[in-house]
Amino acid sequence: MRVFYPDILPYDSGMLDVGDGHQVYWEVSGNPDGIPAVVLHGGPGSGTNPKQRQHFDPAAYRIVLFDQRGSGKSTPHVSSPEHDLATNTTWHLVGDMEKLRAHLGIDKWLLFGGSWGVTLALAYGQTHPSRVSGMILRGVFTLRQSELDWLYGGGAGHIFPDAWAKFTEFVPEGEDALTAYHRLVFGDDPELSRRAAVAWSTWEGATASTQTSMVTSYGEEKFAVAFARIALHYFVNKGWLAEGQLLRDVGKLAGIPGVVVNGRYDIVTPMITAYELATSWPECEGHVLNSAGHAVADPGIAQQLLAATDRFAQRNEV
């Protein structure tokens, strides 16, 4: 089974002024007359990467990638003192997507996202269902308190006790990890802030895959700082969502076809959330990968995602 389509380059790109002093980087590749699809990257704050174009048949799709506020090539970068986190929220990103869709002249697009990208896809889809042709979601995360408690409150630490011990070296006794890391990463000591950001990101890199550690890539300083700052800002504010909102409002996706792919041994976004989403959304089909964790590189995940985009293209031939 094919895992990825060949690497391609964008045929168009630019910076979109979305307001509040933010410029969002976007690019388009594939077929200019193809089925519009937009990739929603994870993190929040991880930014896009060229591999994400390869989940789609370039002859069938018009593939849109963009870097969410503060990440990747978007400006100002979250590491810049000019970046105003008060204007970087889930609902700002939903608005940015609408501006980008209109800018590109797209009526409806397929939402393709993983991890935090699932949260953003559900928030956008439930706000603008008439603009969504379908969703393909991997590693389901909806920002409920129980999901945050699992990864940052010690649950995942029972499976990765060595990595958890390193992660919690920065957490004073009696203080929860989210609060402690938010205080440190946004503190006045630049060296401590940097070290805490790297430790925060390294924890997720250690837990992301059943096959190999992703510590090195997650611990790279520029990535880690953006990843930690934006994620902590979003998580301490619960994504500006009511508790359980995205699962509660699944009915707003009525009529939209969906595919959910989740690793059985996903430590970052455990199977239960994917199960609850798929079983409450009649138009959604679920796929469990029994040897996989959270990473796209884990066994079967990339194949299932590509099979899903192929099936969608066959149903919606241009």
C-alpha atoms as a PDB file:
ATOM      1  CA  MET A   1       0.000   0.000   0.000  1.00  0.00           C
ATOM      2  CA  ARG A   2       1.266   3.475  -0.886  1.00  0.00           C
ATOM      3  CA  VAL A   3       2.270   5.563   2.141  1.00  0.00           C
ATOM      4  CA  PHE A   4       2.852   8.992   0.582  1.00  0.00           C
ATOM      5  CA  TYR A   5       2.501  10.633  -2.807  1.00  0.00           C
ATOM      6  CA  PRO A   6       5.721  12.058  -4.330  1.00  0.00           C
ATOM      7  CA  ASP A   7       7.091  15.286  -2.943  1.00  0.00           C
ATOM      8  CA  ILE A   8       5.796  18.395  -4.733  1.00  0.00           C
ATOM      9  CA  LEU A   9       6.420  22.115  -4.516  1.00  0.00           C
ATOM     10  CA  PRO A  10       3.803  24.849  -4.090  1.00  0.00           C
ATOM     11  CA  TYR A  11       2.705  26.672  -7.216  1.00  0.00           C
ATOM     12  CA  ASP A  12       1.489  29.676  -5.207  1.00  0.00           C
ATOM     13  CA  SER A  13       2.161  31.147  -1.777  1.00  0.00           C
ATOM     14  CA  GLY A  14       1.883  34.370   0.130  1.00  0.00           C
ATOM     15  CA  MET A  15       1.301  36.215   3.374  1.00  0.00           C
ATOM     16  CA  LEU A  16      -2.288  37.083   4.298  1.00  0.00           C
ATOM     17  CA  ASP A  17      -3.010  40.046   6.570  1.00  0.00           C
ATOM     18  CA  VAL A  18      -5.584  38.646   8.997  1.00  0.00           C
ATOM     19  CA  GLY A  19      -5.686  41.665  11.293  1.00  0.00           C
ATOM     20  CA  ASP A  20      -4.357  42.362  14.787  1.00  0.00           C
ATOM     21  CA  GLY A  21      -0.884  42.838  13.279  1.00  0.00           C
ATOM     22  CA  HIS A  22      -0.684  39.197  12.137  1.00  0.00           C
ATOM     23  CA  GLN A  23       0.451  37.965   8.729  1.00  0.00           C
ATOM     24  CA  VAL A  24      -0.346  34.289   8.040  1.00  0.00           C
ATOM     25  CA  TYR A  25       1.827  32.310   5.635  1.00  0.00           C
ATOM     26  CA  TRP A  26      -0.079  30.143   3.141  1.00  0.00           C
ATOM     27  CA  GLU A  27       0.793  27.974   0.166  1.00  0.00           C
ATOM     28  CA  VAL A  28      -1.078  25.969  -2.461  1.00  0.00           C
ATOM     29  CA  SER A  29       0.128  22.893  -4.340  1.00  0.00           C
ATOM     30  CA  GLY A  30      -1.318  20.153  -6.539  1.00  0.00           C
ATOM     31  CA  ASN A  31      -4.041  20.754  -9.120  1.00  0.00           C
ATOM     32  CA  PRO A  32      -5.365  24.352  -9.313  1.00  0.00           C
ATOM     33  CA  ASP A  33      -8.733  22.909 -10.390  1.00  0.00           C
ATOM     34  CA  GLY A  34      -8.698  20.059  -7.882  1.00  0.00           C
ATOM     35  CA  ILE A  35     -10.712  19.375  -4.752  1.00  0.00           C
ATOM     36  CA  PRO A  36      -9.784  22.022  -2.174  1.00  0.00           C
ATOM     37  CA  ALA A  37      -8.246  20.577   0.997  1.00  0.00           C
ATOM     38  CA  VAL A  38      -6.666  22.459   3.898  1.00  0.00           C
ATOM     39  CA  VAL A  39      -4.145  20.991   6.333  1.00  0.00           C
ATOM     40  CA  LEU A  40      -4.503  22.052   9.970  1.00  0.00           C
ATOM     41  CA  HIS A  41      -1.204  21.485  11.736  1.00  0.00           C
ATOM     42  CA  GLY A  42      -0.823  20.336  15.312  1.00  0.00           C
ATOM     43  CA  GLY A  43       0.703  21.826  18.390  1.00  0.00           C
ATOM     44  CA  PRO A  44      -0.756  24.375  18.514  1.00  0.00           C
ATOM     45  CA  GLY A  45       2.396  26.058  17.336  1.00  0.00           C
ATOM     46  CA  SER A  46       4.197  23.323  15.427  1.00  0.00           C
ATOM     47  CA  GLY A  47       3.752  24.887  11.975  1.00  0.00           C
ATOM     48  CA  THR A  48       3.414  23.105   8.643  1.00  0.00           C
ATOM     49  CA  ASN A  49       5.943  20.865   6.916  1.00  0.00           C
ATOM     50  CA  PRO A  50       6.342  19.798   3.262  1.00  0.00           C
ATOM     51  CA  LYS A  51       5.493  16.155   4.040  1.00  0.00           C
ATOM     52  CA  GLN A  52       1.896  17.206   4.710  1.00  0.00           C
ATOM     53  CA  ARG A  53       1.384  17.833   0.989  1.00  0.00           C
ATOM     54  CA  GLN A  54       2.103  14.158   0.314  1.00  0.00           C
ATOM     55  CA  HIS A  55      -1.075  12.837   1.928  1.00  0.00           C
ATOM     56  CA  PHE A  56      -2.960  13.940  -1.205  1.00  0.00           C
ATOM     57  CA  ASP A  57      -3.004  12.903  -4.853  1.00  0.00           C
ATOM     58  CA  PRO A  58      -1.609  16.066  -6.490  1.00  0.00           C
ATOM     59  CA  ALA A  59      -3.638  15.397  -9.639  1.00  0.00           C
ATOM     60  CA  ALA A  60      -6.889  15.351  -7.656  1.00  0.00           C
ATOM     61  CA  TYR A  61      -6.402  17.975  -4.959  1.00  0.00           C
ATOM     62  CA  ARG A  62      -5.782  21.665  -4.549  1.00  0.00           C
ATOM     63  CA  ILE A  63      -3.735  21.390  -1.344  1.00  0.00           C
ATOM     64  CA  VAL A  64      -3.657  24.372   1.040  1.00  0.00           C
ATOM     65  CA  LEU A  65      -1.168  24.600   3.901  1.00  0.00           C
ATOM     66  CA  PHE A  66      -0.912  27.538   6.290  1.00  0.00           C
ATOM     67  CA  ASP A  67       1.022  28.361   9.442  1.00  0.00           C
ATOM     68  CA  GLN A  68      -1.265  29.334  12.292  1.00  0.00           C
ATOM     69  CA  ARG A  69      -0.645  32.637  14.073  1.00  0.00           C
ATOM     70  CA  GLY A  70       2.790  32.885  15.633  1.00  0.00           C
ATOM     71  CA  SER A  71       4.182  29.659  14.155  1.00  0.00           C
ATOM     72  CA  GLY A  72       6.228  28.630  11.143  1.00  0.00           C
ATOM     73  CA  LYS A  73       6.622  31.446   8.635  1.00  0.00           C
ATOM     74  CA  SER A  74       3.715  33.496   9.973  1.00  0.00           C
ATOM     75  CA  THR A  75       4.626  36.826  11.553  1.00  0.00           C
ATOM     76  CA  PRO A  76       5.226  38.041  14.129  1.00  0.00           C
ATOM     77  CA  HIS A  77       6.620  34.726  15.391  1.00  0.00           C
ATOM     78  CA  VAL A  78       5.590  33.846  18.935  1.00  0.00           C
ATOM     79  CA  SER A  79       9.227  34.210  20.024  1.00  0.00           C
ATOM     80  CA  SER A  80       9.158  37.872  18.946  1.00  0.00           C
ATOM     81  CA  PRO A  81       8.329  40.545  21.549  1.00  0.00           C
ATOM     82  CA  GLU A  82       5.924  41.972  18.952  1.00  0.00           C
ATOM     83  CA  HIS A  83       3.678  38.899  19.163  1.00  0.00           C
ATOM     84  CA  ASP A  84       0.469  39.615  21.095  1.00  0.00           C
ATOM     85  CA  LEU A  85      -0.868  36.351  22.496  1.00  0.00           C
ATOM     86  CA  ALA A  86      -4.114  38.089  23.443  1.00  0.00           C
ATOM     87  CA  THR A  87      -4.959  38.024  19.731  1.00  0.00           C
ATOM     88  CA  ASN A  88      -3.985  34.367  19.307  1.00  0.00           C
ATOM     89  CA  THR A  89      -6.945  32.168  20.292  1.00  0.00           C
ATOM     90  CA  THR A  90      -8.934  29.308  18.803  1.00  0.00           C
ATOM     91  CA  TRP A  91     -11.529  31.743  17.518  1.00  0.00           C
ATOM     92  CA  HIS A  92      -8.923  34.010  15.930  1.00  0.00           C
ATOM     93  CA  LEU A  93      -7.650  30.934  14.048  1.00  0.00           C
ATOM     94  CA  VAL A  94     -11.183  30.014  12.952  1.00  0.00           C
ATOM     95  CA  GLY A  95     -11.533  33.553  11.621  1.00  0.00           C
ATOM     96  CA  ASP A  96      -8.165  33.325   9.870  1.00  0.00           C
ATOM     97  CA  MET A  97      -9.304  30.166   8.096  1.00  0.00           C
ATOM     98  CA  GLU A  98     -12.389  31.946   6.815  1.00  0.00           C
ATOM     99  CA  LYS A  99     -10.302  34.859   5.560  1.00  0.00           C
ATOM    100  CA  LEU A 100      -7.932  32.458   3.812  1.00  0.00           C
ATOM    101  CA  ARG A 101     -10.786  30.453   2.254  1.00  0.00           C
ATOM    102  CA  ALA A 102     -12.314  33.650   0.858  1.00  0.00           C
ATOM    103  CA  HIS A 103      -8.902  34.947  -0.282  1.00  0.00           C
ATOM    104  CA  LEU A 104      -8.319  31.755  -2.280  1.00  0.00           C
ATOM    105  CA  GLY A 105     -11.819  31.772  -3.765  1.00  0.00           C
ATOM    106  CA  ILE A 106     -12.786  28.421  -2.249  1.00  0.00           C
ATOM    107  CA  ASP A 107     -16.435  27.580  -1.617  1.00  0.00           C
ATOM    108  CA  LYS A 108     -15.943  24.414   0.455  1.00  0.00           C
ATOM    109  CA  TRP A 109     -12.830  22.566   1.528  1.00  0.00           C
ATOM    110  CA  LEU A 110     -11.848  19.253   3.060  1.00  0.00           C
ATOM    111  CA  LEU A 111     -10.373  19.679   6.546  1.00  0.00           C
ATOM    112  CA  PHE A 112      -7.340  17.480   7.241  1.00  0.00           C
ATOM    113  CA  GLY A 113      -5.864  17.692  10.714  1.00  0.00           C
ATOM    114  CA  GLY A 114      -4.081  15.830  13.473  1.00  0.00           C
ATOM    115  CA  SER A 115      -3.951  16.301  17.253  1.00  0.00           C
ATOM    116  CA  TRP A 116      -4.499  20.046  17.921  1.00  0.00           C
ATOM    117  CA  GLY A 117      -5.451  20.232  14.229  1.00  0.00           C
ATOM    118  CA  VAL A 118      -8.485  18.087  15.108  1.00  0.00           C
ATOM    119  CA  THR A 119      -9.537  20.608  17.767  1.00  0.00           C
ATOM    120  CA  LEU A 120      -9.294  23.418  15.241  1.00  0.00           C
ATOM    121  CA  ALA A 121     -11.078  21.397  12.538  1.00  0.00           C
ATOM    122  CA  LEU A 122     -14.008  20.664  14.863  1.00  0.00           C
ATOM    123  CA  ALA A 123     -14.199  24.273  16.058  1.00  0.00           C
ATOM    124  CA  TYR A 124     -14.182  25.550  12.464  1.00  0.00           C
ATOM    125  CA  GLY A 125     -16.567  22.880  11.187  1.00  0.00           C
ATOM    126  CA  GLN A 126     -19.098  23.495  13.925  1.00  0.00           C
ATOM    127  CA  THR A 127     -18.914  27.245  13.279  1.00  0.00           C
ATOM    128  CA  HIS A 128     -18.945  27.115   9.447  1.00  0.00           C
ATOM    129  CA  PRO A 129     -20.460  23.730   8.480  1.00  0.00           C
ATOM    130  CA  SER A 130     -21.598  25.038   5.089  1.00  0.00           C
ATOM    131  CA  ARG A 131     -17.940  25.585   4.150  1.00  0.00           C
ATOM    132  CA  VAL A 132     -16.799  22.025   4.915  1.00  0.00           C
ATOM    133  CA  SER A 133     -16.937  19.214   2.331  1.00  0.00           C
ATOM    134  CA  GLY A 134     -15.540  16.599   4.712  1.00  0.00           C
ATOM    135  CA  MET A 135     -13.021  15.932   7.475  1.00  0.00           C
ATOM    136  CA  ILE A 136     -10.104  13.526   7.839  1.00  0.00           C
ATOM    137  CA  LEU A 137      -8.841  13.569  11.415  1.00  0.00           C
ATOM    138  CA  ARG A 138      -5.910  11.792  13.083  1.00  0.00           C
ATOM    139  CA  GLY A 139      -5.061  11.556  16.795  1.00  0.00           C
ATOM    140  CA  VAL A 140      -8.247  13.081  18.179  1.00  0.00           C
ATOM    141  CA  PHE A 141      -7.835  15.881  20.724  1.00  0.00           C
ATOM    142  CA  THR A 142     -10.743  18.042  21.902  1.00  0.00           C
ATOM    143  CA  LEU A 143      -9.082  19.918  24.800  1.00  0.00           C
ATOM    144  CA  ARG A 144     -11.259  18.512  27.576  1.00  0.00           C
ATOM    145  CA  GLN A 145      -9.849  18.689  31.081  1.00  0.00           C
ATOM    146  CA  SER A 146      -9.596  14.900  31.213  1.00  0.00           C
ATOM    147  CA  GLU A 147      -7.342  14.929  28.117  1.00  0.00           C
ATOM    148  CA  LEU A 148      -5.053  17.574  29.622  1.00  0.00           C
ATOM    149  CA  ASP A 149      -4.990  15.721  32.937  1.00  0.00           C
ATOM    150  CA  TRP A 150      -3.940  12.514  31.201  1.00  0.00           C
ATOM    151  CA  LEU A 151      -0.904  13.969  29.421  1.00  0.00           C
ATOM    152  CA  TYR A 152       0.148  16.640  31.921  1.00  0.00           C
ATOM    153  CA  GLY A 153      -1.305  15.353  35.184  1.00  0.00           C
ATOM    154  CA  GLY A 154       0.516  12.067  35.491  1.00  0.00           C
ATOM    155  CA  GLY A 155      -1.546   9.482  33.639  1.00  0.00           C
ATOM    156  CA  ALA A 156       0.862   9.195  30.724  1.00  0.00           C
ATOM    157  CA  GLY A 157       3.704   9.233  33.220  1.00  0.00           C
ATOM    158  CA  HIS A 158       2.730   5.714  34.316  1.00  0.00           C
ATOM    159  CA  ILE A 159       3.708   4.525  30.828  1.00  0.00           C
ATOM    160  CA  PHE A 160       6.759   6.802  30.370  1.00  0.00           C
ATOM    161  CA  PRO A 161       8.018   7.160  33.957  1.00  0.00           C
ATOM    162  CA  ASP A 162      11.582   7.999  32.909  1.00  0.00           C
ATOM    163  CA  ALA A 163      10.498  10.838  30.603  1.00  0.00           C
ATOM    164  CA  TRP A 164       7.923  11.977  33.187  1.00  0.00           C
ATOM    165  CA  ALA A 165      10.617  12.211  35.859  1.00  0.00           C
ATOM    166  CA  LYS A 166      12.634  14.566  33.624  1.00  0.00           C
ATOM    167  CA  PHE A 167       9.548  16.574  32.686  1.00  0.00           C
ATOM    168  CA  THR A 168       8.518  17.101  36.314  1.00  0.00           C
ATOM    169  CA  GLU A 169      11.968  18.244  37.434  1.00  0.00           C
ATOM    170  CA  PHE A 170      10.691  21.737  36.615  1.00  0.00           C
ATOM    171  CA  VAL A 171       7.457  21.320  38.620  1.00  0.00           C
ATOM    172  CA  PRO A 172       7.568  22.243  42.327  1.00  0.00           C
ATOM    173  CA  GLU A 173       5.815  19.871  44.694  1.00  0.00           C
ATOM    174  CA  GLY A 174       2.163  20.762  45.040  1.00  0.00           C
ATOM    175  CA  GLU A 175       1.953  22.682  41.740  1.00  0.00           C
ATOM    176  CA  ASP A 176       0.400  21.197  38.615  1.00  0.00           C
ATOM    177  CA  ALA A 177       2.528  20.919  35.483  1.00  0.00           C
ATOM    178  CA  LEU A 178       0.493  23.277  33.298  1.00  0.00           C
ATOM    179  CA  THR A 179       0.609  26.070  35.865  1.00  0.00           C
ATOM    180  CA  ALA A 180       4.295  25.575  36.595  1.00  0.00           C
ATOM    181  CA  TYR A 181       5.396  25.448  32.974  1.00  0.00           C
ATOM    182  CA  HIS A 182       3.246  28.438  32.034  1.00  0.00           C
ATOM    183  CA  ARG A 183       4.898  30.448  34.814  1.00  0.00           C
ATOM    184  CA  LEU A 184       8.397  29.348  33.808  1.00  0.00           C
ATOM    185  CA  VAL A 185       8.086  29.639  30.033  1.00  0.00           C
ATOM    186  CA  PHE A 186       6.589  33.111  30.328  1.00  0.00           C
ATOM    187  CA  GLY A 187       8.889  34.144  33.185  1.00  0.00           C
ATOM    188  CA  ASP A 188      11.495  36.913  33.258  1.00  0.00           C
ATOM    189  CA  ASP A 189      14.544  34.627  33.204  1.00  0.00           C
ATOM    190  CA  PRO A 190      15.279  34.004  29.483  1.00  0.00           C
ATOM    191  CA  GLU A 191      17.580  31.041  30.088  1.00  0.00           C
ATOM    192  CA  LEU A 192      15.118  29.310  32.421  1.00  0.00           C
ATOM    193  CA  SER A 193      12.309  30.067  29.975  1.00  0.00           C
ATOM    194  CA  ARG A 194      14.281  28.452  27.152  1.00  0.00           C
ATOM    195  CA  ARG A 195      15.145  25.361  29.189  1.00  0.00           C
ATOM    196  CA  ALA A 196      11.545  24.951  30.335  1.00  0.00           C
ATOM    197  CA  ALA A 197      10.264  25.277  26.756  1.00  0.00           C
ATOM    198  CA  VAL A 198      12.658  22.579  25.572  1.00  0.00           C
ATOM    199  CA  ALA A 199      11.632  20.307  28.465  1.00  0.00           C
ATOM    200  CA  TRP A 200       7.938  20.852  27.729  1.00  0.00           C
ATOM    201  CA  SER A 201       8.332  19.961  24.065  1.00  0.00           C
ATOM    202  CA  THR A 202      10.694  17.068  24.797  1.00  0.00           C
ATOM    203  CA  TRP A 203       8.020  15.420  26.949  1.00  0.00           C
ATOM    204  CA  GLU A 204       5.608  15.233  24.029  1.00  0.00           C
ATOM    205  CA  GLY A 205       8.392  14.056  21.723  1.00  0.00           C
ATOM    206  CA  ALA A 206       9.138  11.223  24.130  1.00  0.00           C
ATOM    207  CA  THR A 207       5.515  10.020  24.173  1.00  0.00           C
ATOM    208  CA  ALA A 208       4.492  10.555  20.551  1.00  0.00           C
ATOM    209  CA  SER A 209       5.538   7.301  18.882  1.00  0.00           C
ATOM    210  CA  THR A 210       5.500   3.572  19.566  1.00  0.00           C
ATOM    211  CA  GLN A 211       8.460   3.148  17.226  1.00  0.00           C
ATOM    212  CA  THR A 212      11.094   5.712  18.078  1.00  0.00           C
ATOM    213  CA  SER A 213      11.742   8.703  20.296  1.00  0.00           C
ATOM    214  CA  MET A 214      11.042  12.090  18.700  1.00  0.00           C
ATOM    215  CA  VAL A 215      12.943  13.924  21.455  1.00  0.00           C
ATOM    216  CA  THR A 216      15.637  15.330  19.144  1.00  0.00           C
ATOM    217  CA  SER A 217      13.264  17.020  16.706  1.00  0.00           C
ATOM    218  CA  TYR A 218      10.900  18.253  19.435  1.00  0.00           C
ATOM    219  CA  GLY A 219      13.800  19.535  21.519  1.00  0.00           C
ATOM    220  CA  GLU A 220      15.213  21.766  18.771  1.00  0.00           C
ATOM    221  CA  GLU A 221      15.149  25.207  20.369  1.00  0.00           C
ATOM    222  CA  LYS A 222      13.265  27.320  17.815  1.00  0.00           C
ATOM    223  CA  PHE A 223      10.573  24.668  17.431  1.00  0.00           C
ATOM    224  CA  ALA A 224      10.378  24.041  21.181  1.00  0.00           C
ATOM    225  CA  VAL A 225       9.938  27.704  22.108  1.00  0.00           C
ATOM    226  CA  ALA A 226       7.049  28.202  19.671  1.00  0.00           C
ATOM    227  CA  PHE A 227       5.509  24.849  20.558  1.00  0.00           C
ATOM    228  CA  ALA A 228       5.644  25.463  24.313  1.00  0.00           C
ATOM    229  CA  ARG A 229       4.580  29.113  24.338  1.00  0.00           C
ATOM    230  CA  ILE A 230       1.547  28.703  22.102  1.00  0.00           C
ATOM    231  CA  ALA A 231       0.469  25.353  23.559  1.00  0.00           C
ATOM    232  CA  LEU A 232       0.675  26.576  27.151  1.00  0.00           C
ATOM    233  CA  HIS A 233      -1.226  29.754  26.259  1.00  0.00           C
ATOM    234  CA  TYR A 234      -3.992  27.663  24.691  1.00  0.00           C
ATOM    235  CA  PHE A 235      -4.098  24.949  27.328  1.00  0.00           C
ATOM    236  CA  VAL A 236      -4.249  27.170  30.427  1.00  0.00           C
ATOM    237  CA  ASN A 237      -7.143  28.976  28.725  1.00  0.00           C
ATOM    238  CA  LYS A 238      -8.823  25.649  27.788  1.00  0.00           C
ATOM    239  CA  GLY A 239      -8.838  26.750  24.150  1.00  0.00           C
ATOM    240  CA  TRP A 240     -11.547  29.337  24.921  1.00  0.00           C
ATOM    241  CA  LEU A 241     -13.979  26.408  24.775  1.00  0.00           C
ATOM    242  CA  ALA A 242     -16.624  25.289  27.243  1.00  0.00           C
ATOM    243  CA  GLU A 243     -15.778  21.948  28.847  1.00  0.00           C
ATOM    244  CA  GLY A 244     -16.682  19.174  26.397  1.00  0.00           C
ATOM    245  CA  GLN A 245     -17.988  21.679  23.823  1.00  0.00           C
ATOM    246  CA  LEU A 246     -16.610  20.027  20.695  1.00  0.00           C
ATOM    247  CA  LEU A 247     -18.104  16.610  21.511  1.00  0.00           C
ATOM    248  CA  ARG A 248     -21.342  18.169  22.765  1.00  0.00           C
ATOM    249  CA  ASP A 249     -21.828  20.019  19.475  1.00  0.00           C
ATOM    250  CA  VAL A 250     -21.047  17.152  17.082  1.00  0.00           C
ATOM    251  CA  GLY A 251     -24.631  17.429  15.801  1.00  0.00           C
ATOM    252  CA  LYS A 252     -23.604  20.642  14.012  1.00  0.00           C
ATOM    253  CA  LEU A 253     -21.570  18.436  11.642  1.00  0.00           C
ATOM    254  CA  ALA A 254     -24.689  16.600  10.426  1.00  0.00           C
ATOM    255  CA  GLY A 255     -24.332  15.665   6.756  1.00  0.00           C
ATOM    256  CA  ILE A 256     -20.549  16.182   6.677  1.00  0.00           C
ATOM    257  CA  PRO A 257     -18.610  12.967   5.974  1.00  0.00           C
ATOM    258  CA  GLY A 258     -15.734  12.255   8.326  1.00  0.00           C
ATOM    259  CA  VAL A 259     -12.893   9.795   8.813  1.00  0.00           C
ATOM    260  CA  VAL A 260     -11.152   9.340  12.171  1.00  0.00           C
ATOM    261  CA  VAL A 261      -7.812   7.514  12.445  1.00  0.00           C
ATOM    262  CA  ASN A 262      -6.283   6.798  15.867  1.00  0.00           C
ATOM    263  CA  GLY A 263      -3.523   4.572  17.175  1.00  0.00           C
ATOM    264  CA  ARG A 264      -4.610   2.038  19.787  1.00  0.00           C
ATOM    265  CA  TYR A 265      -1.510   2.953  21.819  1.00  0.00           C
ATOM    266  CA  ASP A 266      -1.668   6.706  21.323  1.00  0.00           C
ATOM    267  CA  ILE A 267      -0.343   8.155  24.594  1.00  0.00           C
ATOM    268  CA  VAL A 268      -0.728  11.806  23.583  1.00  0.00           C
ATOM    269  CA  THR A 269      -4.368  11.560  22.490  1.00  0.00           C
ATOM    270  CA  PRO A 270      -5.767   8.267  23.846  1.00  0.00           C
ATOM    271  CA  MET A 271      -8.303   6.248  21.873  1.00  0.00           C
ATOM    272  CA  ILE A 272     -11.280   7.074  24.091  1.00  0.00           C
ATOM    273  CA  THR A 273     -11.752  10.547  22.609  1.00  0.00           C
ATOM    274  CA  ALA A 274     -11.617   9.263  19.018  1.00  0.00           C
ATOM    275  CA  TYR A 275     -14.106   6.562  19.967  1.00  0.00           C
ATOM    276  CA  GLU A 276     -16.516   9.064  21.522  1.00  0.00           C
ATOM    277  CA  LEU A 277     -16.282  11.355  18.493  1.00  0.00           C
ATOM    278  CA  ALA A 278     -16.755   8.628  15.888  1.00  0.00           C
ATOM    279  CA  THR A 279     -19.668   6.964  17.690  1.00  0.00           C
ATOM    280  CA  SER A 280     -21.548  10.252  18.128  1.00  0.00           C
ATOM    281  CA  TRP A 281     -21.151  11.387  14.488  1.00  0.00           C
ATOM    282  CA  PRO A 282     -23.290   9.206  12.158  1.00  0.00           C
ATOM    283  CA  GLU A 283     -21.428  10.234   8.985  1.00  0.00           C
ATOM    284  CA  CYS A 284     -18.041   9.363  10.466  1.00  0.00           C
ATOM    285  CA  GLU A 285     -16.057   6.155   9.897  1.00  0.00           C
ATOM    286  CA  GLY A 286     -13.420   5.189  12.445  1.00  0.00           C
ATOM    287  CA  HIS A 287     -10.138   3.322  11.952  1.00  0.00           C
ATOM    288  CA  VAL A 288      -8.080   1.914  14.838  1.00  0.00           C
ATOM    289  CA  LEU A 289      -4.402   1.122  14.207  1.00  0.00           C
ATOM    290  CA  ASN A 290      -3.469  -1.615  16.663  1.00  0.00           C
ATOM    291  CA  SER A 291       0.319  -1.134  16.479  1.00  0.00           C
ATOM    292  CA  ALA A 292       0.364   2.646  16.375  1.00  0.00           C
ATOM    293  CA  GLY A 293       0.755   5.525  18.767  1.00  0.00           C
ATOM    294  CA  HIS A 294       0.315   9.217  17.971  1.00  0.00           C
ATOM    295  CA  ALA A 295       2.900   9.866  15.265  1.00  0.00           C
ATOM    296  CA  VAL A 296       2.097   9.845  11.558  1.00  0.00           C
ATOM    297  CA  ALA A 297       5.168   7.644  11.121  1.00  0.00           C
ATOM    298  CA  ASP A 298       3.671   4.877  13.283  1.00  0.00           C
ATOM    299  CA  PRO A 299       2.518   1.674  11.541  1.00  0.00           C
ATOM    300  CA  GLY A 300      -0.495   2.138   9.309  1.00  0.00           C
ATOM    301  CA  ILE A 301      -1.373   5.749  10.092  1.00  0.00           C
ATOM    302  CA  ALA A 302      -0.021   7.384   6.930  1.00  0.00           C
ATOM    303  CA  GLN A 303      -1.501   4.569   4.807  1.00  0.00           C
ATOM    304  CA  GLN A 304      -4.943   5.063   6.350  1.00  0.00           C
ATOM    305  CA  LEU A 305      -4.801   8.820   5.856  1.00  0.00           C
ATOM    306  CA  LEU A 306      -3.798   8.477   2.227  1.00  0.00           C
ATOM    307  CA  ALA A 307      -6.498   5.829   1.643  1.00  0.00           C
ATOM    308  CA  ALA A 308      -9.027   8.264   3.123  1.00  0.00           C
ATOM    309  CA  THR A 309      -8.006  11.133   0.835  1.00  0.00           C
ATOM    310  CA  ASP A 310      -8.128   8.742  -2.135  1.00  0.00           C
ATOM    311  CA  ARG A 311     -11.650   7.580  -1.221  1.00  0.00           C
ATOM    312  CA  PHE A 312     -12.802  11.150  -0.814  1.00  0.00           C
ATOM    313  CA  ALA A 313     -11.346  12.090  -4.201  1.00  0.00           C
ATOM    314  CA  GLN A 314     -13.094   9.159  -5.889  1.00  0.00           C
ATOM    315  CA  ARG A 315     -16.433  10.258  -4.423  1.00  0.00           C
ATOM    316  CA  ASN A 316     -15.875  13.866  -5.453  1.00  0.00           C
ATOM    317  CA  GLU A 317     -14.139  13.644  -8.798  1.00  0.00           C
ATOM    318  CA  VAL A 318     -13.509  16.984 -10.434  1.00  0.00           C
END
